[in-house]
Amino acid sequence: MEKKPIIRVENLTAGYDDDIILEDVTFDVNPGEIFIILGGSGCGKTTLLRHLVGLNSPLSGRVLIDGDDIASGDSKVVDNALKKIGVLFQSAALFGSMTIEENVALPITEYSDLSRQAIFDLVRMKLCMVDLSGYENHLPSEISGDMKKRAGLARALALNPKILFLDEPTAGLDPPTSAEIDSLILHINRTIGTTIVIVTHELDSILSIGQRVIMLDKETKGITAEGDPKVLKENSDIASVKAFFNRQARTDQEMGL
């Protein structure tokens, strides 16, 4: 029996005032998949992510998270859907005045009735998952950039979400550290079965962990390619897709100049 998609985007049109960024975008994300959203600067990657996590409402269309339409405006439906997701923002978005332990504990305290000891134990477990044991009492200013990403990931995992949204998880990191983060993402996906949606332009990460991608296009305001990134790299006949996956500059002719 075919599984229902855990995320379904139907005819999504998104923008700001009269500026349309995405138009009539439709795609599904399957349970347990590592799904990557990519594309050039200004193509709408961040806009799409904000709609997927409920920060923005579409001008038209639907966004369904595990069957719940978070674009419906029904607060109970939206709250139910948002309890199923975790988000790692690009900057990690840790609260600077709170310890790492307090940052990770925040969503657990907000959305559960667990005792302080149970929360403490759960936080320690999440930090162990991301290799940050022993850093519970550090402030964000006292740890490195990749450790902040790990702490943000631990917080995103705090409520055992069905879906993780990761915004540029390896941006600004050196190649070995980026590879470590990629390995951690794969480990979470394989051991827990978490569906992971990633916004990134890091080609090494896309090819090493991406199972399926969509590539957004600024000119068409939609999806220009979809599929296995390795297949797209080898077989796509679309100029912009070939250029992206093969690190090639497009010719004037290919760009329509």
Foldseek 3Di string as FASTA:
>chain_A
DDDDFQKWWAQFWADDDPGTQAGGATDGHHFLAAEEEEEDPSNCLVVVVCVQLLVDATPDTFIAGRRQTSNPPPPVSVVVRNLQFFEQAPQLPFDQVDFLLCRLLVVVVVPHDDDPVVSSVLLQVLCVLLPNHPRRGPGPVVDDRLVSLSSSVSSRCSSVHLEYEYEASCPPHDPVSSVSVLVSVVCCSVPSRRHYYYYHLPLVSCLPRHQKYFYGDRVVSYTPDIGGLVCLCPPPPQQSSVCSNVVHDGDCVSVVD
